Amino acid sequence: MEKTYPHLCSPITIGNVTFKNRMFSSPMGGTDIENDGCIGPKSTAFYELRGRGGAGAEHFIPAATVICALGMKPRRELVDSLRFAAPYVAVIGDANKVDSVKTAVYQGYHAALDI
């Protein structure tokens, strides 16, 4: 079987750092920004965990609300596994029914109003 991206799993050197593959994850954004503009201890711990476990690491994040917007096709099994993860779980966008981005944004807006 021919690989579509044959170099994706090969090492790459950027500057003086060699990475074991070419798969990278962009930052998710800090939610606990300090007065000096730096991320706080919760975000620091989150990124340290990602760094130790890689992009595919499993993370458990305590939450009062879960909004499922999973993309491109309904993912009922994942939605069902999250159904009791928080007091309020909203299923929006393609997680519920494949539709447009406009519909997902509308549903997300109304889910946020319900919180």
C-alpha atoms as a PDB file:
ATOM      1  CA  MET A   1       0.000   0.000   0.000  1.00  0.00           C
ATOM      2  CA  GLU A   2       1.391   3.388  -1.007  1.00  0.00           C
ATOM      3  CA  LYS A   3       1.569   5.996   1.726  1.00  0.00           C
ATOM      4  CA  THR A   4       0.033   9.363   0.885  1.00  0.00           C
ATOM      5  CA  TYR A   5       2.528  11.240   3.064  1.00  0.00           C
ATOM      6  CA  PRO A   6       5.640   9.022   3.258  1.00  0.00           C
ATOM      7  CA  HIS A   7       7.751  11.517   5.251  1.00  0.00           C
ATOM      8  CA  LEU A   8       5.171  12.207   7.971  1.00  0.00           C
ATOM      9  CA  CYS A   9       6.618   9.614  10.379  1.00  0.00           C
ATOM     10  CA  SER A  10      10.281  10.311   9.597  1.00  0.00           C
ATOM     11  CA  PRO A  11      12.479  12.497  11.842  1.00  0.00           C
ATOM     12  CA  ILE A  12      12.989  16.188  11.120  1.00  0.00           C
ATOM     13  CA  THR A  13      15.570  18.615  12.491  1.00  0.00           C
ATOM     14  CA  ILE A  14      14.596  22.231  13.041  1.00  0.00           C
ATOM     15  CA  GLY A  15      17.492  24.358  14.218  1.00  0.00           C
ATOM     16  CA  ASN A  16      19.370  22.202  16.701  1.00  0.00           C
ATOM     17  CA  VAL A  17      16.342  20.105  17.754  1.00  0.00           C
ATOM     18  CA  THR A  18      15.467  16.766  16.131  1.00  0.00           C
ATOM     19  CA  PHE A  19      11.867  15.608  16.340  1.00  0.00           C
ATOM     20  CA  LYS A  20      11.026  11.896  15.964  1.00  0.00           C
ATOM     21  CA  ASN A  21       8.263  12.655  13.433  1.00  0.00           C
ATOM     22  CA  ARG A  22       6.666  15.578  11.578  1.00  0.00           C
ATOM     23  CA  MET A  23       3.353  15.637  13.427  1.00  0.00           C
ATOM     24  CA  PHE A  24       2.829  18.755  15.496  1.00  0.00           C
ATOM     25  CA  SER A  25      -0.062  20.119  17.509  1.00  0.00           C
ATOM     26  CA  SER A  26      -0.730  23.835  17.761  1.00  0.00           C
ATOM     27  CA  PRO A  27      -1.408  25.397  21.186  1.00  0.00           C
ATOM     28  CA  MET A  28      -4.940  25.026  22.499  1.00  0.00           C
ATOM     29  CA  GLY A  29      -4.974  28.389  24.279  1.00  0.00           C
ATOM     30  CA  GLY A  30      -4.631  29.203  27.942  1.00  0.00           C
ATOM     31  CA  THR A  31      -7.749  29.782  29.992  1.00  0.00           C
ATOM     32  CA  ASP A  32      -6.004  30.961  33.130  1.00  0.00           C
ATOM     33  CA  ILE A  33      -3.991  33.977  31.977  1.00  0.00           C
ATOM     34  CA  GLU A  34      -2.098  35.771  34.738  1.00  0.00           C
ATOM     35  CA  ASN A  35      -1.839  39.580  35.121  1.00  0.00           C
ATOM     36  CA  ASP A  36       1.580  39.511  33.419  1.00  0.00           C
ATOM     37  CA  GLY A  37       0.072  37.884  30.307  1.00  0.00           C
ATOM     38  CA  CYS A  38       1.566  34.426  30.931  1.00  0.00           C
ATOM     39  CA  ILE A  39      -0.446  31.237  31.310  1.00  0.00           C
ATOM     40  CA  GLY A  40      -1.228  30.101  34.815  1.00  0.00           C
ATOM     41  CA  PRO A  41      -0.520  26.837  36.663  1.00  0.00           C
ATOM     42  CA  LYS A  42      -3.489  24.885  35.225  1.00  0.00           C
ATOM     43  CA  SER A  43      -2.492  25.597  31.620  1.00  0.00           C
ATOM     44  CA  THR A  44       1.168  24.930  32.438  1.00  0.00           C
ATOM     45  CA  ALA A  45       0.245  21.509  33.867  1.00  0.00           C
ATOM     46  CA  PHE A  46      -1.921  20.785  30.805  1.00  0.00           C
ATOM     47  CA  TYR A  47       0.933  21.519  28.385  1.00  0.00           C
ATOM     48  CA  GLU A  48       3.438  19.566  30.495  1.00  0.00           C
ATOM     49  CA  LEU A  49       1.119  16.532  30.342  1.00  0.00           C
ATOM     50  CA  ARG A  50       0.795  16.893  26.549  1.00  0.00           C
ATOM     51  CA  GLY A  51       4.567  17.166  26.262  1.00  0.00           C
ATOM     52  CA  ARG A  52       5.117  13.961  28.244  1.00  0.00           C
ATOM     53  CA  GLY A  53       2.385  11.975  26.521  1.00  0.00           C
ATOM     54  CA  GLY A  54       2.440  13.438  23.026  1.00  0.00           C
ATOM     55  CA  ALA A  55      -0.495  14.694  21.014  1.00  0.00           C
ATOM     56  CA  GLY A  56      -2.366  11.399  21.414  1.00  0.00           C
ATOM     57  CA  ALA A  57      -2.198  11.369  25.214  1.00  0.00           C
ATOM     58  CA  GLU A  58      -5.450  10.920  27.100  1.00  0.00           C
ATOM     59  CA  HIS A  59      -6.372  13.880  29.287  1.00  0.00           C
ATOM     60  CA  PHE A  60      -9.082  14.176  31.899  1.00  0.00           C
ATOM     61  CA  ILE A  61     -10.218  17.744  32.420  1.00  0.00           C
ATOM     62  CA  PRO A  62     -12.785  18.453  35.146  1.00  0.00           C
ATOM     63  CA  ALA A  63     -15.728  20.398  33.734  1.00  0.00           C
ATOM     64  CA  ALA A  64     -19.143  21.678  34.663  1.00  0.00           C
ATOM     65  CA  THR A  65     -20.174  21.769  30.995  1.00  0.00           C
ATOM     66  CA  VAL A  66     -19.417  19.613  27.964  1.00  0.00           C
ATOM     67  CA  ILE A  67     -20.290  20.728  24.432  1.00  0.00           C
ATOM     68  CA  CYS A  68     -19.804  18.063  21.750  1.00  0.00           C
ATOM     69  CA  ALA A  69     -19.118  19.356  18.226  1.00  0.00           C
ATOM     70  CA  LEU A  70     -17.122  16.541  16.656  1.00  0.00           C
ATOM     71  CA  GLY A  71     -17.265  17.209  12.938  1.00  0.00           C
ATOM     72  CA  MET A  72     -18.240  15.626   9.613  1.00  0.00           C
ATOM     73  CA  LYS A  73     -20.342  12.730  10.894  1.00  0.00           C
ATOM     74  CA  PRO A  74     -22.383  11.915  13.979  1.00  0.00           C
ATOM     75  CA  ARG A  75     -20.234  10.265  16.659  1.00  0.00           C
ATOM     76  CA  ARG A  76     -22.950   8.879  18.911  1.00  0.00           C
ATOM     77  CA  GLU A  77     -20.615   6.538  20.834  1.00  0.00           C
ATOM     78  CA  LEU A  78     -18.389   9.448  21.882  1.00  0.00           C
ATOM     79  CA  VAL A  79     -21.371  11.623  22.743  1.00  0.00           C
ATOM     80  CA  ASP A  80     -22.849   8.792  24.824  1.00  0.00           C
ATOM     81  CA  SER A  81     -19.531   8.323  26.660  1.00  0.00           C
ATOM     82  CA  LEU A  82     -19.569  12.029  27.599  1.00  0.00           C
ATOM     83  CA  ARG A  83     -23.276  12.221  28.424  1.00  0.00           C
ATOM     84  CA  PHE A  84     -22.686  11.993  32.205  1.00  0.00           C
ATOM     85  CA  ALA A  85     -19.310  13.763  32.265  1.00  0.00           C
ATOM     86  CA  ALA A  86     -20.845  17.012  33.462  1.00  0.00           C
ATOM     87  CA  PRO A  87     -24.147  18.311  34.801  1.00  0.00           C
ATOM     88  CA  TYR A  88     -24.862  19.903  31.397  1.00  0.00           C
ATOM     89  CA  VAL A  89     -23.968  18.252  28.074  1.00  0.00           C
ATOM     90  CA  ALA A  90     -24.959  19.894  24.780  1.00  0.00           C
ATOM     91  CA  VAL A  91     -24.687  17.985  21.522  1.00  0.00           C
ATOM     92  CA  ILE A  92     -24.316  20.412  18.643  1.00  0.00           C
ATOM     93  CA  GLY A  93     -23.290  20.541  15.012  1.00  0.00           C
ATOM     94  CA  ASP A  94     -22.196  17.391  13.239  1.00  0.00           C
ATOM     95  CA  ALA A  95     -22.043  15.510  16.541  1.00  0.00           C
ATOM     96  CA  ASN A  96     -25.817  15.551  16.392  1.00  0.00           C
ATOM     97  CA  LYS A  97     -26.613  15.689  12.652  1.00  0.00           C
ATOM     98  CA  VAL A  98     -24.382  16.559   9.698  1.00  0.00           C
ATOM     99  CA  ASP A  99     -25.188  20.118   8.669  1.00  0.00           C
ATOM    100  CA  SER A 100     -23.495  23.463   7.981  1.00  0.00           C
ATOM    101  CA  VAL A 101     -21.004  25.424  10.069  1.00  0.00           C
ATOM    102  CA  LYS A 102     -23.677  28.107  10.361  1.00  0.00           C
ATOM    103  CA  THR A 103     -26.004  25.631  12.055  1.00  0.00           C
ATOM    104  CA  ALA A 104     -23.255  24.461  14.429  1.00  0.00           C
ATOM    105  CA  VAL A 105     -22.417  28.048  15.439  1.00  0.00           C
ATOM    106  CA  TYR A 106     -26.114  28.788  15.988  1.00  0.00           C
ATOM    107  CA  GLN A 107     -26.505  25.656  18.131  1.00  0.00           C
ATOM    108  CA  GLY A 108     -23.301  26.440  20.051  1.00  0.00           C
ATOM    109  CA  TYR A 109     -24.520  29.970  20.746  1.00  0.00           C
ATOM    110  CA  HIS A 110     -27.824  28.664  22.121  1.00  0.00           C
ATOM    111  CA  ALA A 111     -26.049  25.957  24.136  1.00  0.00           C
ATOM    112  CA  ALA A 112     -23.922  28.684  25.744  1.00  0.00           C
ATOM    113  CA  LEU A 113     -27.066  30.665  26.593  1.00  0.00           C
ATOM    114  CA  ASP A 114     -28.458  27.608  28.379  1.00  0.00           C
ATOM    115  CA  ILE A 115     -25.419  27.271  30.653  1.00  0.00           C
END
